[in-house]
N, C-alpha and C. Protein backbone atom coordinates (compact mmCIF):
# COMPACT_ATOMS: atom_id res chain seq x y z
N MET A 1 0.83 -1.21 0.00
CA MET A 1 0.00 0.00 0.00
C MET A 1 0.87 1.26 0.00
N VAL A 2 1.71 1.41 1.03
CA VAL A 2 2.65 2.53 1.11
C VAL A 2 3.99 2.01 1.60
N ARG A 3 5.06 2.37 0.91
CA ARG A 3 6.40 1.98 1.35
C ARG A 3 7.35 3.17 1.18
N PHE A 4 8.01 3.51 2.27
CA PHE A 4 9.09 4.51 2.26
C PHE A 4 10.41 3.78 2.44
N GLU A 5 11.39 4.11 1.59
CA GLU A 5 12.73 3.52 1.71
C GLU A 5 13.76 4.64 1.80
N ASN A 6 14.29 4.84 3.01
CA ASN A 6 15.36 5.82 3.24
C ASN A 6 15.01 7.20 2.68
N VAL A 7 13.80 7.65 2.99
CA VAL A 7 13.29 8.89 2.42
C VAL A 7 13.78 10.10 3.21
N GLU A 8 14.19 11.11 2.49
CA GLU A 8 14.48 12.43 3.06
C GLU A 8 13.54 13.43 2.43
N ILE A 9 12.99 14.32 3.26
CA ILE A 9 12.10 15.36 2.78
C ILE A 9 12.65 16.70 3.25
N ARG A 10 12.88 17.59 2.30
CA ARG A 10 13.30 18.94 2.64
C ARG A 10 12.67 19.91 1.65
N TYR A 11 12.44 21.11 2.12
CA TYR A 11 11.96 22.16 1.25
C TYR A 11 13.16 22.96 0.76
N ARG A 12 13.03 23.50 -0.44
CA ARG A 12 14.16 24.14 -1.11
C ARG A 12 14.85 25.18 -0.21
N GLY A 13 16.16 25.02 -0.09
CA GLY A 13 16.95 25.97 0.67
C GLY A 13 16.84 25.85 2.17
N LYS A 14 16.17 24.78 2.64
CA LYS A 14 15.97 24.63 4.09
C LYS A 14 16.55 23.29 4.56
N GLU A 15 16.69 23.19 5.88
CA GLU A 15 17.17 21.96 6.49
C GLU A 15 16.14 20.85 6.29
N ALA A 16 16.61 19.62 6.21
CA ALA A 16 15.70 18.49 6.02
C ALA A 16 14.70 18.40 7.18
N ILE A 17 13.45 18.11 6.84
CA ILE A 17 12.40 17.93 7.84
C ILE A 17 12.39 16.48 8.33
N LEU A 18 12.56 15.54 7.40
CA LEU A 18 12.62 14.12 7.72
C LEU A 18 13.84 13.51 7.04
N THR A 19 14.52 12.61 7.72
CA THR A 19 15.70 11.98 7.15
C THR A 19 15.66 10.47 7.37
N ASP A 20 16.07 9.74 6.34
CA ASP A 20 16.23 8.29 6.42
C ASP A 20 14.99 7.58 6.98
N VAL A 21 13.82 7.95 6.44
CA VAL A 21 12.56 7.39 6.91
C VAL A 21 12.20 6.15 6.09
N SER A 22 11.97 5.04 6.79
CA SER A 22 11.59 3.78 6.13
C SER A 22 10.44 3.14 6.92
N PHE A 23 9.40 2.75 6.21
CA PHE A 23 8.30 2.01 6.83
C PHE A 23 7.43 1.42 5.74
N ASP A 24 6.61 0.44 6.12
CA ASP A 24 5.65 -0.19 5.22
C ASP A 24 4.26 -0.14 5.84
N LEU A 25 3.28 0.22 5.06
CA LEU A 25 1.88 0.10 5.45
C LEU A 25 1.21 -0.83 4.45
N GLY A 26 0.90 -2.04 4.90
CA GLY A 26 0.28 -3.01 4.01
C GLY A 26 -1.23 -2.94 4.07
N GLU A 27 -1.87 -3.90 3.45
CA GLU A 27 -3.34 -3.97 3.45
C GLU A 27 -3.85 -4.20 4.88
N GLY A 28 -4.98 -3.60 5.20
CA GLY A 28 -5.64 -3.83 6.47
C GLY A 28 -5.08 -3.05 7.64
N ASN A 29 -4.36 -1.96 7.37
CA ASN A 29 -3.69 -1.23 8.44
C ASN A 29 -4.48 -0.02 8.92
N PHE A 30 -4.34 0.25 10.21
CA PHE A 30 -4.82 1.48 10.85
C PHE A 30 -3.68 1.95 11.73
N HIS A 31 -3.10 3.10 11.42
CA HIS A 31 -1.98 3.62 12.19
C HIS A 31 -2.24 5.08 12.58
N PHE A 32 -1.71 5.43 13.74
CA PHE A 32 -1.58 6.82 14.10
C PHE A 32 -0.18 7.30 13.74
N LEU A 33 -0.08 8.57 13.38
CA LEU A 33 1.20 9.24 13.14
C LEU A 33 1.27 10.40 14.11
N THR A 34 2.29 10.43 14.97
CA THR A 34 2.33 11.47 15.99
C THR A 34 3.71 12.08 16.08
N GLY A 35 3.79 13.15 16.85
CA GLY A 35 5.02 13.91 17.03
C GLY A 35 4.65 15.33 17.39
N LYS A 36 5.62 16.08 17.87
CA LYS A 36 5.36 17.45 18.27
C LYS A 36 4.94 18.31 17.06
N SER A 37 4.34 19.45 17.35
CA SER A 37 4.00 20.38 16.29
C SER A 37 5.26 20.78 15.53
N GLY A 38 5.21 20.69 14.20
CA GLY A 38 6.36 21.01 13.37
C GLY A 38 7.33 19.86 13.17
N ALA A 39 6.98 18.69 13.69
CA ALA A 39 7.90 17.54 13.58
C ALA A 39 8.00 16.99 12.17
N GLY A 40 6.96 17.22 11.36
CA GLY A 40 6.99 16.71 9.99
C GLY A 40 5.83 15.80 9.63
N LYS A 41 4.80 15.75 10.49
CA LYS A 41 3.65 14.87 10.24
C LYS A 41 2.95 15.25 8.93
N SER A 42 2.65 16.53 8.78
CA SER A 42 1.95 16.98 7.57
C SER A 42 2.80 16.73 6.32
N SER A 43 4.10 16.93 6.44
CA SER A 43 4.99 16.72 5.28
C SER A 43 5.00 15.25 4.88
N LEU A 44 4.98 14.35 5.85
CA LEU A 44 4.96 12.93 5.52
C LEU A 44 3.67 12.57 4.78
N LEU A 45 2.53 13.10 5.26
CA LEU A 45 1.27 12.84 4.56
C LEU A 45 1.29 13.43 3.16
N LYS A 46 1.83 14.63 3.02
CA LYS A 46 1.91 15.25 1.69
C LYS A 46 2.73 14.41 0.73
N ALA A 47 3.79 13.79 1.25
CA ALA A 47 4.62 12.93 0.40
C ALA A 47 3.84 11.71 -0.07
N ILE A 48 2.94 11.20 0.78
CA ILE A 48 2.15 10.04 0.39
C ILE A 48 1.17 10.39 -0.73
N TYR A 49 0.51 11.56 -0.62
CA TYR A 49 -0.45 11.88 -1.70
C TYR A 49 0.20 12.69 -2.82
N MET A 50 1.53 12.72 -2.82
CA MET A 50 2.28 13.32 -3.91
C MET A 50 2.06 14.83 -4.02
N GLY A 51 1.86 15.45 -2.87
CA GLY A 51 1.84 16.91 -2.82
C GLY A 51 3.25 17.47 -2.83
N ILE A 52 4.19 16.68 -2.31
CA ILE A 52 5.62 16.96 -2.40
C ILE A 52 6.32 15.65 -2.73
N PHE A 53 7.56 15.75 -3.19
CA PHE A 53 8.32 14.55 -3.54
C PHE A 53 9.62 14.53 -2.75
N PRO A 54 10.11 13.34 -2.44
CA PRO A 54 11.32 13.25 -1.60
C PRO A 54 12.56 13.78 -2.30
N SER A 55 13.46 14.34 -1.53
CA SER A 55 14.76 14.77 -2.06
C SER A 55 15.73 13.60 -2.15
N LYS A 56 15.49 12.58 -1.33
CA LYS A 56 16.26 11.34 -1.40
C LYS A 56 15.35 10.17 -1.08
N GLY A 57 15.76 8.97 -1.48
CA GLY A 57 15.00 7.77 -1.16
C GLY A 57 13.89 7.48 -2.14
N LYS A 58 13.08 6.47 -1.80
CA LYS A 58 12.05 5.99 -2.71
C LYS A 58 10.73 5.83 -1.96
N ILE A 59 9.64 6.23 -2.62
CA ILE A 59 8.30 6.02 -2.10
C ILE A 59 7.52 5.18 -3.11
N ASN A 60 6.96 4.07 -2.64
CA ASN A 60 6.07 3.25 -3.45
C ASN A 60 4.65 3.41 -2.95
N LEU A 61 3.72 3.58 -3.87
CA LEU A 61 2.32 3.79 -3.54
C LEU A 61 1.47 2.88 -4.41
N PHE A 62 0.70 2.01 -3.79
CA PHE A 62 -0.11 1.03 -4.52
C PHE A 62 0.75 0.25 -5.52
N GLY A 63 1.99 -0.07 -5.10
CA GLY A 63 2.86 -0.87 -5.94
C GLY A 63 3.61 -0.10 -7.01
N ARG A 64 3.48 1.24 -7.03
CA ARG A 64 4.16 2.06 -8.03
C ARG A 64 5.20 2.95 -7.36
N ASP A 65 6.38 3.03 -7.97
CA ASP A 65 7.38 3.99 -7.56
C ASP A 65 6.88 5.37 -8.01
N ILE A 66 6.66 6.30 -7.06
CA ILE A 66 6.03 7.56 -7.46
C ILE A 66 6.92 8.39 -8.38
N SER A 67 8.21 8.09 -8.41
CA SER A 67 9.09 8.83 -9.32
C SER A 67 8.79 8.51 -10.78
N SER A 68 8.08 7.40 -11.02
CA SER A 68 7.74 7.01 -12.40
C SER A 68 6.31 7.38 -12.78
N ILE A 69 5.58 8.00 -11.85
CA ILE A 69 4.19 8.37 -12.11
C ILE A 69 4.14 9.71 -12.82
N THR A 70 3.40 9.80 -13.91
CA THR A 70 3.29 11.05 -14.66
C THR A 70 2.26 11.98 -14.01
N LYS A 71 2.34 13.26 -14.34
CA LYS A 71 1.40 14.23 -13.79
C LYS A 71 -0.04 13.87 -14.15
N LYS A 72 -0.23 13.30 -15.35
CA LYS A 72 -1.58 12.92 -15.76
C LYS A 72 -2.14 11.77 -14.92
N GLU A 73 -1.25 10.93 -14.39
CA GLU A 73 -1.70 9.79 -13.59
C GLU A 73 -2.02 10.15 -12.15
N ILE A 74 -1.46 11.25 -11.66
CA ILE A 74 -1.62 11.59 -10.24
C ILE A 74 -3.08 11.74 -9.82
N PRO A 75 -3.95 12.47 -10.55
CA PRO A 75 -5.35 12.58 -10.11
C PRO A 75 -6.06 11.23 -10.01
N GLU A 76 -5.79 10.34 -10.94
CA GLU A 76 -6.44 9.03 -10.91
C GLU A 76 -6.01 8.23 -9.68
N ILE A 77 -4.73 8.31 -9.33
CA ILE A 77 -4.25 7.59 -8.15
C ILE A 77 -4.82 8.21 -6.88
N ARG A 78 -4.89 9.53 -6.86
CA ARG A 78 -5.44 10.20 -5.67
C ARG A 78 -6.91 9.87 -5.45
N ARG A 79 -7.61 9.46 -6.49
CA ARG A 79 -9.02 9.09 -6.31
C ARG A 79 -9.18 7.84 -5.47
N ARG A 80 -8.12 7.10 -5.27
CA ARG A 80 -8.16 5.93 -4.39
C ARG A 80 -7.97 6.31 -2.94
N MET A 81 -7.70 7.60 -2.71
CA MET A 81 -7.44 8.09 -1.35
C MET A 81 -8.55 9.04 -0.90
N GLY A 82 -8.75 9.07 0.41
CA GLY A 82 -9.51 10.15 1.02
C GLY A 82 -8.51 10.96 1.82
N ILE A 83 -8.58 12.29 1.72
CA ILE A 83 -7.60 13.15 2.36
C ILE A 83 -8.31 14.22 3.18
N VAL A 84 -7.97 14.30 4.45
CA VAL A 84 -8.48 15.35 5.33
C VAL A 84 -7.34 16.32 5.59
N PHE A 85 -7.45 17.52 5.03
CA PHE A 85 -6.42 18.54 5.19
C PHE A 85 -6.70 19.37 6.43
N GLN A 86 -5.64 19.93 7.02
CA GLN A 86 -5.83 20.81 8.17
C GLN A 86 -6.59 22.08 7.78
N ASP A 87 -6.43 22.54 6.54
CA ASP A 87 -7.12 23.76 6.12
C ASP A 87 -8.43 23.46 5.39
N PHE A 88 -8.91 22.21 5.50
CA PHE A 88 -10.24 21.76 5.06
C PHE A 88 -10.42 21.74 3.54
N ARG A 89 -10.09 22.83 2.84
CA ARG A 89 -10.20 22.92 1.37
C ARG A 89 -11.61 22.64 0.87
N LEU A 90 -12.58 23.19 1.57
CA LEU A 90 -13.97 23.10 1.12
C LEU A 90 -14.20 24.13 0.01
N ILE A 91 -15.21 23.86 -0.80
CA ILE A 91 -15.57 24.78 -1.89
C ILE A 91 -16.69 25.68 -1.37
N ASN A 92 -16.37 26.95 -1.18
CA ASN A 92 -17.25 27.85 -0.42
C ASN A 92 -18.55 28.19 -1.13
N ASN A 93 -18.62 28.03 -2.45
CA ASN A 93 -19.88 28.33 -3.14
C ASN A 93 -20.76 27.09 -3.32
N LEU A 94 -20.34 25.98 -2.72
CA LEU A 94 -21.17 24.77 -2.67
C LEU A 94 -21.67 24.56 -1.25
N THR A 95 -22.88 24.03 -1.12
CA THR A 95 -23.42 23.74 0.21
C THR A 95 -22.67 22.58 0.85
N VAL A 96 -22.94 22.38 2.13
CA VAL A 96 -22.35 21.24 2.85
C VAL A 96 -22.67 19.95 2.12
N ARG A 97 -23.94 19.76 1.77
CA ARG A 97 -24.37 18.55 1.06
C ARG A 97 -23.59 18.39 -0.25
N GLU A 98 -23.45 19.47 -1.00
CA GLU A 98 -22.77 19.41 -2.30
C GLU A 98 -21.28 19.13 -2.16
N ASN A 99 -20.65 19.70 -1.13
CA ASN A 99 -19.24 19.42 -0.88
C ASN A 99 -19.01 17.94 -0.61
N VAL A 100 -19.82 17.38 0.24
CA VAL A 100 -19.65 15.97 0.61
C VAL A 100 -19.97 15.05 -0.56
N ALA A 101 -20.92 15.43 -1.37
CA ALA A 101 -21.32 14.61 -2.52
C ALA A 101 -20.31 14.63 -3.65
N LEU A 102 -19.41 15.59 -3.64
CA LEU A 102 -18.53 15.80 -4.79
C LEU A 102 -17.74 14.55 -5.20
N PRO A 103 -17.09 13.82 -4.27
CA PRO A 103 -16.36 12.62 -4.70
C PRO A 103 -17.27 11.59 -5.38
N LEU A 104 -18.49 11.45 -4.87
CA LEU A 104 -19.41 10.48 -5.48
C LEU A 104 -19.79 10.91 -6.89
N ARG A 105 -19.98 12.19 -7.09
CA ARG A 105 -20.33 12.69 -8.43
C ARG A 105 -19.16 12.47 -9.39
N ILE A 106 -17.94 12.67 -8.91
CA ILE A 106 -16.76 12.43 -9.75
C ILE A 106 -16.70 10.97 -10.17
N PHE A 107 -17.09 10.07 -9.26
CA PHE A 107 -17.07 8.64 -9.56
C PHE A 107 -18.27 8.19 -10.39
N GLY A 108 -19.23 9.09 -10.62
CA GLY A 108 -20.40 8.73 -11.40
C GLY A 108 -21.45 7.95 -10.64
N THR A 109 -21.49 8.12 -9.32
CA THR A 109 -22.46 7.43 -8.48
C THR A 109 -23.88 7.89 -8.80
N LYS A 110 -24.83 6.98 -8.75
CA LYS A 110 -26.22 7.32 -9.04
C LYS A 110 -26.74 8.37 -8.07
N SER A 111 -27.55 9.28 -8.58
CA SER A 111 -28.10 10.37 -7.77
C SER A 111 -28.92 9.85 -6.60
N SER A 112 -29.63 8.75 -6.81
CA SER A 112 -30.46 8.19 -5.73
C SER A 112 -29.59 7.73 -4.56
N ILE A 113 -28.43 7.17 -4.85
CA ILE A 113 -27.51 6.73 -3.80
C ILE A 113 -26.92 7.94 -3.08
N ILE A 114 -26.56 8.98 -3.85
CA ILE A 114 -26.02 10.21 -3.24
C ILE A 114 -27.05 10.84 -2.31
N ARG A 115 -28.30 10.90 -2.75
CA ARG A 115 -29.35 11.53 -1.93
C ARG A 115 -29.57 10.77 -0.63
N ARG A 116 -29.31 9.47 -0.63
CA ARG A 116 -29.50 8.67 0.58
C ARG A 116 -28.29 8.73 1.50
N HIS A 117 -27.10 8.54 0.95
CA HIS A 117 -25.91 8.36 1.79
C HIS A 117 -25.35 9.66 2.35
N VAL A 118 -25.40 10.74 1.58
CA VAL A 118 -24.81 11.99 2.06
C VAL A 118 -25.50 12.50 3.33
N PRO A 119 -26.84 12.60 3.36
CA PRO A 119 -27.48 13.06 4.61
C PRO A 119 -27.24 12.11 5.78
N GLU A 120 -27.18 10.80 5.51
CA GLU A 120 -26.92 9.84 6.58
C GLU A 120 -25.57 10.09 7.23
N LEU A 121 -24.55 10.30 6.41
CA LEU A 121 -23.21 10.52 6.94
C LEU A 121 -23.14 11.86 7.68
N LEU A 122 -23.75 12.89 7.13
CA LEU A 122 -23.73 14.19 7.78
C LEU A 122 -24.49 14.16 9.11
N GLU A 123 -25.52 13.37 9.18
CA GLU A 123 -26.22 13.19 10.45
C GLU A 123 -25.29 12.53 11.46
N TRP A 124 -24.53 11.55 11.02
CA TRP A 124 -23.62 10.83 11.90
C TRP A 124 -22.55 11.75 12.49
N VAL A 125 -22.05 12.69 11.69
CA VAL A 125 -21.01 13.59 12.19
C VAL A 125 -21.60 14.84 12.85
N GLY A 126 -22.92 14.84 13.06
CA GLY A 126 -23.55 15.92 13.81
C GLY A 126 -23.89 17.15 13.00
N LEU A 127 -24.03 16.99 11.68
CA LEU A 127 -24.32 18.13 10.81
C LEU A 127 -25.60 17.95 10.02
N GLY A 128 -26.50 17.13 10.56
CA GLY A 128 -27.75 16.87 9.86
C GLY A 128 -28.62 18.10 9.66
N ASP A 129 -28.41 19.13 10.49
CA ASP A 129 -29.20 20.36 10.37
C ASP A 129 -28.52 21.42 9.50
N HIS A 130 -27.42 21.05 8.86
CA HIS A 130 -26.64 22.03 8.09
C HIS A 130 -26.44 21.63 6.63
N LEU A 131 -27.30 20.75 6.13
CA LEU A 131 -27.10 20.21 4.78
C LEU A 131 -27.00 21.30 3.72
N ASP A 132 -27.81 22.32 3.84
CA ASP A 132 -27.87 23.34 2.78
C ASP A 132 -27.17 24.64 3.16
N ASP A 133 -26.36 24.58 4.23
CA ASP A 133 -25.56 25.75 4.60
C ASP A 133 -24.30 25.81 3.75
N LEU A 134 -23.77 27.01 3.61
CA LEU A 134 -22.47 27.17 2.96
C LEU A 134 -21.36 27.05 4.01
N PRO A 135 -20.19 26.55 3.62
CA PRO A 135 -19.10 26.37 4.58
C PRO A 135 -18.75 27.63 5.36
N THR A 136 -18.86 28.79 4.72
CA THR A 136 -18.47 30.04 5.39
C THR A 136 -19.37 30.38 6.57
N SER A 137 -20.54 29.76 6.66
CA SER A 137 -21.45 30.02 7.78
C SER A 137 -21.19 29.09 8.96
N LEU A 138 -20.26 28.16 8.81
CA LEU A 138 -20.00 27.15 9.84
C LEU A 138 -18.78 27.53 10.69
N SER A 139 -18.73 26.97 11.88
CA SER A 139 -17.55 27.12 12.73
C SER A 139 -16.40 26.28 12.18
N GLY A 140 -15.20 26.50 12.71
CA GLY A 140 -14.05 25.71 12.26
C GLY A 140 -14.25 24.22 12.51
N GLY A 141 -14.79 23.87 13.67
CA GLY A 141 -15.03 22.45 13.96
C GLY A 141 -16.05 21.83 13.03
N GLN A 142 -17.09 22.59 12.69
CA GLN A 142 -18.10 22.09 11.76
C GLN A 142 -17.51 21.91 10.36
N GLN A 143 -16.70 22.88 9.93
CA GLN A 143 -16.05 22.74 8.62
C GLN A 143 -15.15 21.51 8.60
N GLN A 144 -14.48 21.24 9.70
CA GLN A 144 -13.62 20.07 9.77
C GLN A 144 -14.42 18.79 9.58
N ARG A 145 -15.60 18.74 10.19
CA ARG A 145 -16.44 17.54 10.05
C ARG A 145 -16.96 17.38 8.63
N VAL A 146 -17.23 18.50 7.95
CA VAL A 146 -17.62 18.42 6.53
C VAL A 146 -16.46 17.83 5.72
N ALA A 147 -15.25 18.30 6.00
CA ALA A 147 -14.08 17.79 5.28
C ALA A 147 -13.88 16.30 5.52
N ILE A 148 -14.12 15.85 6.74
CA ILE A 148 -13.98 14.42 7.05
C ILE A 148 -15.05 13.62 6.31
N ALA A 149 -16.28 14.12 6.35
CA ALA A 149 -17.36 13.41 5.65
C ALA A 149 -17.06 13.30 4.15
N ARG A 150 -16.56 14.37 3.56
CA ARG A 150 -16.21 14.34 2.14
C ARG A 150 -15.11 13.32 1.87
N ALA A 151 -14.14 13.22 2.78
CA ALA A 151 -13.01 12.31 2.59
C ALA A 151 -13.41 10.84 2.67
N VAL A 152 -14.44 10.53 3.47
CA VAL A 152 -14.78 9.11 3.69
C VAL A 152 -15.99 8.65 2.90
N ILE A 153 -16.76 9.56 2.30
CA ILE A 153 -18.04 9.20 1.68
C ILE A 153 -17.90 8.13 0.61
N ALA A 154 -16.79 8.15 -0.13
CA ALA A 154 -16.63 7.18 -1.23
C ALA A 154 -15.87 5.92 -0.80
N ARG A 155 -15.68 5.75 0.51
CA ARG A 155 -14.98 4.59 1.04
C ARG A 155 -13.65 4.35 0.33
N PRO A 156 -12.70 5.26 0.53
CA PRO A 156 -11.42 5.16 -0.19
C PRO A 156 -10.62 3.94 0.23
N VAL A 157 -9.68 3.56 -0.61
CA VAL A 157 -8.77 2.47 -0.27
C VAL A 157 -7.83 2.90 0.85
N LEU A 158 -7.42 4.16 0.82
CA LEU A 158 -6.48 4.70 1.80
C LEU A 158 -6.99 6.06 2.27
N LEU A 159 -7.11 6.23 3.59
CA LEU A 159 -7.52 7.51 4.16
C LEU A 159 -6.34 8.12 4.89
N LEU A 160 -6.00 9.36 4.53
CA LEU A 160 -4.97 10.14 5.21
C LEU A 160 -5.67 11.31 5.89
N ALA A 161 -5.49 11.43 7.20
CA ALA A 161 -6.19 12.48 7.94
C ALA A 161 -5.18 13.26 8.78
N ASP A 162 -5.11 14.56 8.54
CA ASP A 162 -4.15 15.43 9.22
C ASP A 162 -4.86 16.18 10.35
N GLU A 163 -4.63 15.74 11.59
CA GLU A 163 -5.26 16.32 12.78
C GLU A 163 -6.79 16.42 12.61
N PRO A 164 -7.47 15.31 12.32
CA PRO A 164 -8.91 15.39 12.03
C PRO A 164 -9.76 15.74 13.24
N THR A 165 -9.21 15.62 14.45
CA THR A 165 -9.99 15.95 15.65
C THR A 165 -9.48 17.22 16.32
N GLY A 166 -8.68 18.00 15.61
CA GLY A 166 -8.03 19.15 16.23
C GLY A 166 -8.95 20.28 16.63
N ASN A 167 -10.12 20.41 15.99
CA ASN A 167 -11.02 21.53 16.27
C ASN A 167 -12.36 21.10 16.85
N VAL A 168 -12.41 19.89 17.41
CA VAL A 168 -13.68 19.40 17.95
C VAL A 168 -13.49 18.97 19.40
N ASP A 169 -14.59 18.88 20.15
CA ASP A 169 -14.48 18.47 21.54
C ASP A 169 -14.30 16.97 21.65
N ASP A 170 -14.06 16.47 22.85
CA ASP A 170 -13.72 15.06 23.04
C ASP A 170 -14.85 14.12 22.59
N THR A 171 -16.09 14.54 22.80
CA THR A 171 -17.22 13.69 22.41
C THR A 171 -17.25 13.50 20.90
N ILE A 172 -17.12 14.59 20.15
CA ILE A 172 -17.11 14.51 18.70
C ILE A 172 -15.86 13.78 18.22
N ALA A 173 -14.72 14.01 18.89
CA ALA A 173 -13.48 13.32 18.51
C ALA A 173 -13.66 11.81 18.61
N ASP A 174 -14.25 11.34 19.69
CA ASP A 174 -14.49 9.90 19.84
C ASP A 174 -15.43 9.39 18.76
N ARG A 175 -16.46 10.16 18.46
CA ARG A 175 -17.43 9.74 17.45
C ARG A 175 -16.75 9.62 16.08
N LEU A 176 -15.88 10.58 15.77
CA LEU A 176 -15.17 10.52 14.50
C LEU A 176 -14.24 9.30 14.44
N LEU A 177 -13.57 9.01 15.55
CA LEU A 177 -12.68 7.85 15.56
C LEU A 177 -13.46 6.56 15.38
N TYR A 178 -14.66 6.48 15.96
CA TYR A 178 -15.48 5.29 15.73
C TYR A 178 -15.92 5.19 14.27
N LEU A 179 -16.14 6.34 13.63
CA LEU A 179 -16.43 6.33 12.20
C LEU A 179 -15.24 5.79 11.42
N PHE A 180 -14.04 6.22 11.78
CA PHE A 180 -12.84 5.71 11.12
C PHE A 180 -12.67 4.21 11.37
N LYS A 181 -12.99 3.76 12.59
CA LYS A 181 -12.90 2.33 12.90
C LYS A 181 -13.84 1.52 12.01
N GLU A 182 -15.06 2.03 11.83
CA GLU A 182 -16.02 1.32 10.98
C GLU A 182 -15.55 1.30 9.53
N LEU A 183 -14.99 2.41 9.08
CA LEU A 183 -14.45 2.48 7.72
C LEU A 183 -13.32 1.47 7.56
N HIS A 184 -12.47 1.38 8.57
CA HIS A 184 -11.37 0.41 8.54
C HIS A 184 -11.90 -1.01 8.51
N ARG A 185 -12.95 -1.26 9.28
CA ARG A 185 -13.53 -2.61 9.32
C ARG A 185 -14.05 -3.04 7.95
N THR A 186 -14.47 -2.08 7.14
CA THR A 186 -15.01 -2.41 5.82
C THR A 186 -13.95 -2.36 4.72
N GLY A 187 -12.67 -2.17 5.11
CA GLY A 187 -11.61 -2.35 4.14
C GLY A 187 -10.70 -1.17 3.85
N THR A 188 -10.97 0.00 4.44
CA THR A 188 -10.12 1.16 4.19
C THR A 188 -8.89 1.13 5.10
N ASN A 189 -7.74 1.42 4.53
CA ASN A 189 -6.50 1.55 5.29
C ASN A 189 -6.38 3.00 5.75
N ILE A 190 -5.98 3.20 7.00
CA ILE A 190 -6.09 4.53 7.61
C ILE A 190 -4.78 4.95 8.26
N LEU A 191 -4.40 6.20 8.02
CA LEU A 191 -3.25 6.82 8.68
C LEU A 191 -3.70 8.19 9.18
N ILE A 192 -3.71 8.36 10.50
CA ILE A 192 -4.19 9.58 11.13
C ILE A 192 -3.05 10.28 11.84
N ALA A 193 -2.75 11.51 11.43
CA ALA A 193 -1.76 12.33 12.12
C ALA A 193 -2.44 13.07 13.26
N THR A 194 -1.86 12.95 14.46
CA THR A 194 -2.44 13.62 15.62
C THR A 194 -1.38 13.84 16.69
N HIS A 195 -1.56 14.89 17.48
CA HIS A 195 -0.72 15.05 18.66
C HIS A 195 -1.52 14.80 19.93
N ASN A 196 -2.73 14.28 19.78
CA ASN A 196 -3.63 14.01 20.90
C ASN A 196 -3.29 12.67 21.54
N GLU A 197 -2.53 12.70 22.63
CA GLU A 197 -2.10 11.47 23.29
C GLU A 197 -3.28 10.68 23.86
N ASN A 198 -4.37 11.38 24.22
CA ASN A 198 -5.55 10.68 24.74
C ASN A 198 -6.13 9.73 23.71
N LEU A 199 -6.13 10.16 22.43
CA LEU A 199 -6.63 9.29 21.37
C LEU A 199 -5.74 8.06 21.22
N LEU A 200 -4.44 8.26 21.31
CA LEU A 200 -3.51 7.14 21.17
C LEU A 200 -3.73 6.10 22.26
N GLN A 201 -4.08 6.56 23.44
CA GLN A 201 -4.30 5.65 24.56
C GLN A 201 -5.67 4.98 24.48
N LYS A 202 -6.66 5.75 24.05
CA LYS A 202 -8.03 5.23 24.03
C LYS A 202 -8.25 4.24 22.88
N PHE A 203 -7.61 4.49 21.75
CA PHE A 203 -7.77 3.63 20.57
C PHE A 203 -6.45 2.92 20.31
N ASP A 204 -6.43 1.64 20.55
CA ASP A 204 -5.18 0.87 20.61
C ASP A 204 -4.74 0.43 19.22
N TYR A 205 -4.17 1.38 18.47
CA TYR A 205 -3.64 1.07 17.15
C TYR A 205 -2.14 1.38 17.13
N PRO A 206 -1.40 0.75 16.22
CA PRO A 206 0.04 1.02 16.13
C PRO A 206 0.33 2.50 15.86
N VAL A 207 1.48 2.94 16.35
CA VAL A 207 1.84 4.35 16.27
C VAL A 207 3.17 4.52 15.54
N LEU A 208 3.16 5.41 14.56
CA LEU A 208 4.39 5.91 13.94
C LEU A 208 4.70 7.25 14.61
N ARG A 209 5.90 7.38 15.17
CA ARG A 209 6.24 8.58 15.92
C ARG A 209 7.45 9.27 15.30
N ILE A 210 7.29 10.59 15.02
CA ILE A 210 8.39 11.37 14.47
C ILE A 210 9.06 12.15 15.60
N GLU A 211 10.36 12.00 15.69
CA GLU A 211 11.14 12.73 16.68
C GLU A 211 12.55 12.95 16.14
N ASP A 212 13.01 14.21 16.20
CA ASP A 212 14.35 14.55 15.69
C ASP A 212 14.53 14.11 14.24
N ARG A 213 13.48 14.35 13.43
CA ARG A 213 13.50 14.08 11.98
C ARG A 213 13.51 12.60 11.63
N LYS A 214 13.41 11.73 12.64
CA LYS A 214 13.41 10.28 12.42
C LYS A 214 12.04 9.70 12.73
N LEU A 215 11.77 8.53 12.21
CA LEU A 215 10.50 7.86 12.43
C LEU A 215 10.74 6.57 13.19
N SER A 216 9.97 6.37 14.26
CA SER A 216 10.01 5.10 15.00
C SER A 216 8.63 4.48 15.01
N PHE A 217 8.56 3.19 15.30
CA PHE A 217 7.29 2.44 15.22
C PHE A 217 7.06 1.73 16.53
N SER A 218 5.80 1.75 17.01
CA SER A 218 5.44 0.99 18.21
C SER A 218 4.08 0.37 18.01
N ASP A 219 3.90 -0.87 18.49
CA ASP A 219 2.62 -1.57 18.39
C ASP A 219 1.62 -0.99 19.39
């Protein structure tokens, strides 16, 4: 699914953020990715969805060396992923319902299925009363839940989530993690970046930890 081999990530003219990073995420995995703020969690996720490319080493994604993937192929590969960004990246002139439905429309899902599943999922994340609101009318935590719903609605093969519980209270955070657990149970591989140690303790999944630009693994 995902393989890093001696990967270094640095931004132009700056010191390396991650060095000599190696790990494998196979089928059926649910992992947390943790580390202090600025440790490189977001950069590692960006490297997986090909938002940035390594300065050294090799990344394999779905069995492909990403250095051999053309720009035209990148959107098609990304369609196998669900991505929750810290800045949400919602489309402000679309309603909550329309934002969440967007991946299904891209996949050509029948309108009847979209009309049924989108409200169900938004109800689950506590936004059942906001279907026709625009993102700009929502709080940061509500926008985050819209972004999560959009990322999981199409049941991606791989879900990457960058601090998905960062703007919500503990009750909603737990509810979202149970949603991720259910998604994992039905076949999605999940990697969640978080600095919330309570989540790591409450949900017993393996942890990838970034410290001093290195990555360590614990069961």
